[in-house]
């Protein structure tokens, strides 16, 4: 179970077993910030404000990305190329890799403006980057993968912690 990825409402599309096989991808999930609600009774959840053809149209574009748990940063890579929504560049994404005390590894991909370095200690919920659109990505989102050793894990979000972040939106 991981702490919430964003301090805003988000949805995730999971990669089913066998779709992606590489550690960090296998059983991973792609998460996007949603918006569009006018108030508690009106509006529709949406991924983008207009036609979605510009990164700035997406509710998640440059949203703060939060650390998944208290642990250590064990990997960081930066891809400075930003994709245009609807197309992707065949390259590695920007990413951050975290290790928890029990050796669980969590990787975040497609982030930008990375605010941590190798060896940094992070706390659950700490801002570590912004939502980006780079590498094999068609739109602003964060891919999250988890594994220990060579065993991938299915992601589960701490919904109680999520409620504490934005209680009025539930």
C-alpha atoms as a PDB file:
ATOM      1  CA  UNK A   1       0.000   0.000   0.000  1.00  0.00           C
ATOM      2  CA  UNK A   2       1.351   3.399  -1.016  1.00  0.00           C
ATOM      3  CA  UNK A   3       0.651   6.930   0.144  1.00  0.00           C
ATOM      4  CA  UNK A   4      -1.361   9.029  -2.329  1.00  0.00           C
ATOM      5  CA  UNK A   5       0.542   9.988  -5.478  1.00  0.00           C
ATOM      6  CA  UNK A   6      -1.000  13.460  -5.817  1.00  0.00           C
ATOM      7  CA  UNK A   7      -2.615  15.947  -3.429  1.00  0.00           C
ATOM      8  CA  UNK A   8      -5.514  16.108  -5.918  1.00  0.00           C
ATOM      9  CA  UNK A   9      -8.114  13.575  -7.059  1.00  0.00           C
ATOM     10  CA  UNK A  10      -6.619  11.004  -9.424  1.00  0.00           C
ATOM     11  CA  UNK A  11      -7.496   7.813 -11.253  1.00  0.00           C
ATOM     12  CA  UNK A  12      -5.265   4.966 -12.375  1.00  0.00           C
ATOM     13  CA  UNK A  13      -5.343   2.452 -15.227  1.00  0.00           C
ATOM     14  CA  UNK A  14      -3.597  -0.760 -14.246  1.00  0.00           C
ATOM     15  CA  UNK A  15      -1.382  -2.892 -16.458  1.00  0.00           C
ATOM     16  CA  UNK A  16      -2.736  -6.452 -16.163  1.00  0.00           C
ATOM     17  CA  UNK A  17      -0.423  -9.377 -15.518  1.00  0.00           C
ATOM     18  CA  UNK A  18       1.644 -10.115 -18.625  1.00  0.00           C
ATOM     19  CA  UNK A  19       0.979  -6.835 -20.470  1.00  0.00           C
ATOM     20  CA  UNK A  20       4.360  -5.381 -19.476  1.00  0.00           C
ATOM     21  CA  UNK A  21       7.064  -7.706 -18.173  1.00  0.00           C
ATOM     22  CA  UNK A  22       9.981  -5.507 -17.091  1.00  0.00           C
ATOM     23  CA  UNK A  23      10.338  -4.833 -13.359  1.00  0.00           C
ATOM     24  CA  UNK A  24       8.837  -1.425 -12.619  1.00  0.00           C
ATOM     25  CA  UNK A  25       6.360  -1.926 -15.477  1.00  0.00           C
ATOM     26  CA  UNK A  26       4.893  -5.343 -14.626  1.00  0.00           C
ATOM     27  CA  UNK A  27       1.614  -4.921 -12.699  1.00  0.00           C
ATOM     28  CA  UNK A  28       2.218  -1.150 -12.773  1.00  0.00           C
ATOM     29  CA  UNK A  29      -0.383   1.549 -13.086  1.00  0.00           C
ATOM     30  CA  UNK A  30      -0.699   4.840 -14.997  1.00  0.00           C
ATOM     31  CA  UNK A  31      -2.197   7.616 -12.879  1.00  0.00           C
ATOM     32  CA  UNK A  32      -3.823  10.849 -14.025  1.00  0.00           C
ATOM     33  CA  UNK A  33      -5.195  13.810 -12.100  1.00  0.00           C
ATOM     34  CA  UNK A  34      -8.890  14.442 -12.735  1.00  0.00           C
ATOM     35  CA  UNK A  35     -10.804  17.698 -12.568  1.00  0.00           C
ATOM     36  CA  UNK A  36     -13.924  19.273 -14.018  1.00  0.00           C
ATOM     37  CA  UNK A  37     -16.129  19.214 -10.964  1.00  0.00           C
ATOM     38  CA  UNK A  38     -17.803  22.578 -10.429  1.00  0.00           C
ATOM     39  CA  UNK A  39     -18.870  21.626  -6.915  1.00  0.00           C
ATOM     40  CA  UNK A  40     -19.990  18.473  -5.042  1.00  0.00           C
ATOM     41  CA  UNK A  41     -23.213  18.215  -7.051  1.00  0.00           C
ATOM     42  CA  UNK A  42     -22.251  19.548 -10.503  1.00  0.00           C
ATOM     43  CA  UNK A  43     -19.789  18.751 -13.257  1.00  0.00           C
ATOM     44  CA  UNK A  44     -18.095  15.675 -14.675  1.00  0.00           C
ATOM     45  CA  UNK A  45     -14.697  14.222 -13.856  1.00  0.00           C
ATOM     46  CA  UNK A  46     -12.444  14.904 -16.832  1.00  0.00           C
ATOM     47  CA  UNK A  47      -8.772  14.487 -17.678  1.00  0.00           C
ATOM     48  CA  UNK A  48      -8.367  17.786 -19.535  1.00  0.00           C
ATOM     49  CA  UNK A  49     -10.073  21.181 -19.800  1.00  0.00           C
ATOM     50  CA  UNK A  50     -10.372  21.635 -23.574  1.00  0.00           C
ATOM     51  CA  UNK A  51      -9.450  19.236 -26.386  1.00  0.00           C
ATOM     52  CA  UNK A  52      -6.337  17.951 -24.580  1.00  0.00           C
ATOM     53  CA  UNK A  53      -3.960  18.822 -27.413  1.00  0.00           C
ATOM     54  CA  UNK A  54      -1.683  20.900 -25.171  1.00  0.00           C
ATOM     55  CA  UNK A  55      -0.040  19.650 -21.990  1.00  0.00           C
ATOM     56  CA  UNK A  56      -1.370  22.724 -20.198  1.00  0.00           C
ATOM     57  CA  UNK A  57      -4.945  21.544 -20.946  1.00  0.00           C
ATOM     58  CA  UNK A  58      -4.482  18.477 -18.706  1.00  0.00           C
ATOM     59  CA  UNK A  59      -5.484  18.780 -15.054  1.00  0.00           C
ATOM     60  CA  UNK A  60      -2.386  16.845 -14.031  1.00  0.00           C
ATOM     61  CA  UNK A  61       0.150  18.878 -15.969  1.00  0.00           C
ATOM     62  CA  UNK A  62       2.830  19.900 -13.472  1.00  0.00           C
ATOM     63  CA  UNK A  63       0.799  18.670 -10.493  1.00  0.00           C
ATOM     64  CA  UNK A  64       2.972  17.942  -7.459  1.00  0.00           C
ATOM     65  CA  UNK A  65       3.996  14.265  -7.225  1.00  0.00           C
ATOM     66  CA  UNK A  66       4.284  12.881  -3.676  1.00  0.00           C
ATOM     67  CA  UNK A  67       6.667  10.253  -2.251  1.00  0.00           C
ATOM     68  CA  UNK A  68       5.047   6.797  -1.913  1.00  0.00           C
ATOM     69  CA  UNK A  69       6.431   6.060   1.575  1.00  0.00           C
ATOM     70  CA  UNK A  70       9.246   6.935   3.931  1.00  0.00           C
ATOM     71  CA  UNK A  71      12.426   5.603   2.359  1.00  0.00           C
ATOM     72  CA  UNK A  72      15.491   6.348   0.242  1.00  0.00           C
ATOM     73  CA  UNK A  73      15.888   7.536  -3.358  1.00  0.00           C
ATOM     74  CA  UNK A  74      17.958   4.857  -5.138  1.00  0.00           C
ATOM     75  CA  UNK A  75      17.613   6.008  -8.744  1.00  0.00           C
ATOM     76  CA  UNK A  76      17.006   9.207 -10.699  1.00  0.00           C
ATOM     77  CA  UNK A  77      17.078   9.925 -14.418  1.00  0.00           C
ATOM     78  CA  UNK A  78      16.048  13.048 -16.283  1.00  0.00           C
ATOM     79  CA  UNK A  79      14.718  13.169 -19.860  1.00  0.00           C
ATOM     80  CA  UNK A  80      14.432  16.868 -20.801  1.00  0.00           C
ATOM     81  CA  UNK A  81      12.245  16.215 -23.885  1.00  0.00           C
ATOM     82  CA  UNK A  82       8.548  17.014 -23.376  1.00  0.00           C
ATOM     83  CA  UNK A  83       6.046  15.155 -25.551  1.00  0.00           C
ATOM     84  CA  UNK A  84       3.009  16.705 -27.200  1.00  0.00           C
ATOM     85  CA  UNK A  85      -0.236  15.027 -26.105  1.00  0.00           C
ATOM     86  CA  UNK A  86      -1.223  12.307 -28.526  1.00  0.00           C
ATOM     87  CA  UNK A  87       2.331  11.395 -29.531  1.00  0.00           C
ATOM     88  CA  UNK A  88       5.268   9.869 -27.713  1.00  0.00           C
ATOM     89  CA  UNK A  89       9.009   9.837 -28.220  1.00  0.00           C
ATOM     90  CA  UNK A  90      10.728   6.427 -28.216  1.00  0.00           C
ATOM     91  CA  UNK A  91      13.047   7.126 -25.288  1.00  0.00           C
ATOM     92  CA  UNK A  92      13.415   6.445 -21.593  1.00  0.00           C
ATOM     93  CA  UNK A  93      11.227   8.626 -19.373  1.00  0.00           C
ATOM     94  CA  UNK A  94      12.394  10.737 -16.490  1.00  0.00           C
ATOM     95  CA  UNK A  95      12.071   8.610 -13.370  1.00  0.00           C
ATOM     96  CA  UNK A  96      12.640   8.299  -9.639  1.00  0.00           C
ATOM     97  CA  UNK A  97      13.187   4.982  -7.850  1.00  0.00           C
ATOM     98  CA  UNK A  98      12.488   4.649  -4.107  1.00  0.00           C
ATOM     99  CA  UNK A  99      13.431   1.881  -1.629  1.00  0.00           C
ATOM    100  CA  UNK A 100      11.551   1.219   1.595  1.00  0.00           C
ATOM    101  CA  UNK A 101      13.190  -0.365   4.690  1.00  0.00           C
ATOM    102  CA  UNK A 102      11.658  -3.765   3.766  1.00  0.00           C
ATOM    103  CA  UNK A 103      13.353  -3.564   0.311  1.00  0.00           C
ATOM    104  CA  UNK A 104      10.144  -2.767  -1.560  1.00  0.00           C
ATOM    105  CA  UNK A 105      11.100  -0.736  -4.635  1.00  0.00           C
ATOM    106  CA  UNK A 106       8.710   1.794  -6.202  1.00  0.00           C
ATOM    107  CA  UNK A 107       9.439   3.558  -9.482  1.00  0.00           C
ATOM    108  CA  UNK A 108       7.741   6.710 -10.763  1.00  0.00           C
ATOM    109  CA  UNK A 109       8.117   7.438 -14.496  1.00  0.00           C
ATOM    110  CA  UNK A 110       7.264  10.366 -16.820  1.00  0.00           C
ATOM    111  CA  UNK A 111       7.847  12.940 -14.069  1.00  0.00           C
ATOM    112  CA  UNK A 112       9.534  16.312 -14.540  1.00  0.00           C
ATOM    113  CA  UNK A 113      11.192  18.919 -12.308  1.00  0.00           C
ATOM    114  CA  UNK A 114      12.660  16.185 -10.086  1.00  0.00           C
ATOM    115  CA  UNK A 115      13.335  17.590  -6.618  1.00  0.00           C
ATOM    116  CA  UNK A 116      15.289  14.713  -5.053  1.00  0.00           C
ATOM    117  CA  UNK A 117      18.695  13.113  -5.650  1.00  0.00           C
ATOM    118  CA  UNK A 118      20.222   9.690  -5.247  1.00  0.00           C
ATOM    119  CA  UNK A 119      20.634   8.881  -1.562  1.00  0.00           C
ATOM    120  CA  UNK A 120      18.029  11.384  -0.314  1.00  0.00           C
ATOM    121  CA  UNK A 121      15.707  10.242   2.464  1.00  0.00           C
ATOM    122  CA  UNK A 122      12.064  11.032   1.717  1.00  0.00           C
ATOM    123  CA  UNK A 123       8.925  10.976   3.815  1.00  0.00           C
ATOM    124  CA  UNK A 124       5.526   9.743   2.679  1.00  0.00           C
ATOM    125  CA  UNK A 125       3.689  12.637   1.027  1.00  0.00           C
ATOM    126  CA  UNK A 126       6.811  14.760   0.398  1.00  0.00           C
ATOM    127  CA  UNK A 127       6.846  16.561  -2.969  1.00  0.00           C
ATOM    128  CA  UNK A 128       9.478  14.801  -5.118  1.00  0.00           C
ATOM    129  CA  UNK A 129       8.676  15.989  -8.684  1.00  0.00           C
ATOM    130  CA  UNK A 130       5.960  17.331 -10.955  1.00  0.00           C
ATOM    131  CA  UNK A 131       3.708  15.389 -13.319  1.00  0.00           C
ATOM    132  CA  UNK A 132       5.247  15.325 -16.786  1.00  0.00           C
ATOM    133  CA  UNK A 133       4.915  13.864 -20.272  1.00  0.00           C
ATOM    134  CA  UNK A 134       8.148  12.307 -21.539  1.00  0.00           C
ATOM    135  CA  UNK A 135       9.522   9.012 -22.822  1.00  0.00           C
ATOM    136  CA  UNK A 136       6.895   6.456 -23.883  1.00  0.00           C
ATOM    137  CA  UNK A 137       3.950   8.638 -22.789  1.00  0.00           C
ATOM    138  CA  UNK A 138       1.073  10.148 -24.780  1.00  0.00           C
ATOM    139  CA  UNK A 139      -0.225  12.502 -22.091  1.00  0.00           C
ATOM    140  CA  UNK A 140       0.689  13.922 -18.690  1.00  0.00           C
ATOM    141  CA  UNK A 141       0.578  11.101 -16.154  1.00  0.00           C
ATOM    142  CA  UNK A 142       2.776   9.187 -13.727  1.00  0.00           C
ATOM    143  CA  UNK A 143       3.500   5.505 -14.195  1.00  0.00           C
ATOM    144  CA  UNK A 144       3.991   3.698 -10.880  1.00  0.00           C
ATOM    145  CA  UNK A 145       5.586   0.269 -10.548  1.00  0.00           C
ATOM    146  CA  UNK A 146       6.463  -1.747  -7.433  1.00  0.00           C
ATOM    147  CA  UNK A 147       8.585  -4.819  -6.861  1.00  0.00           C
ATOM    148  CA  UNK A 148      10.793  -6.653  -4.377  1.00  0.00           C
ATOM    149  CA  UNK A 149      13.677  -8.670  -5.793  1.00  0.00           C
ATOM    150  CA  UNK A 150      12.265 -10.053  -9.052  1.00  0.00           C
ATOM    151  CA  UNK A 151       8.627 -10.139  -7.899  1.00  0.00           C
ATOM    152  CA  UNK A 152       6.317  -7.369  -9.159  1.00  0.00           C
ATOM    153  CA  UNK A 153       3.542  -6.126  -6.870  1.00  0.00           C
ATOM    154  CA  UNK A 154       0.095  -4.767  -7.616  1.00  0.00           C
ATOM    155  CA  UNK A 155      -0.315  -1.172  -6.424  1.00  0.00           C
ATOM    156  CA  UNK A 156      -2.856  -0.291  -3.758  1.00  0.00           C
ATOM    157  CA  UNK A 157      -3.367   3.297  -2.568  1.00  0.00           C
ATOM    158  CA  UNK A 158      -3.910   4.251   1.065  1.00  0.00           C
ATOM    159  CA  UNK A 159      -7.450   5.606   0.774  1.00  0.00           C
ATOM    160  CA  UNK A 160      -7.558   6.745   4.405  1.00  0.00           C
ATOM    161  CA  UNK A 161      -4.496   8.925   3.796  1.00  0.00           C
ATOM    162  CA  UNK A 162      -6.080  10.169   0.566  1.00  0.00           C
ATOM    163  CA  UNK A 163      -9.187  11.251   2.478  1.00  0.00           C
ATOM    164  CA  UNK A 164      -7.011  13.227   4.917  1.00  0.00           C
ATOM    165  CA  UNK A 165      -5.400  15.092   1.987  1.00  0.00           C
ATOM    166  CA  UNK A 166      -8.666  16.297   0.481  1.00  0.00           C
ATOM    167  CA  UNK A 167     -11.645  15.444   2.692  1.00  0.00           C
ATOM    168  CA  UNK A 168     -14.012  17.871   0.920  1.00  0.00           C
ATOM    169  CA  UNK A 169     -13.547  16.135  -2.443  1.00  0.00           C
ATOM    170  CA  UNK A 170     -14.745  12.697  -1.305  1.00  0.00           C
END
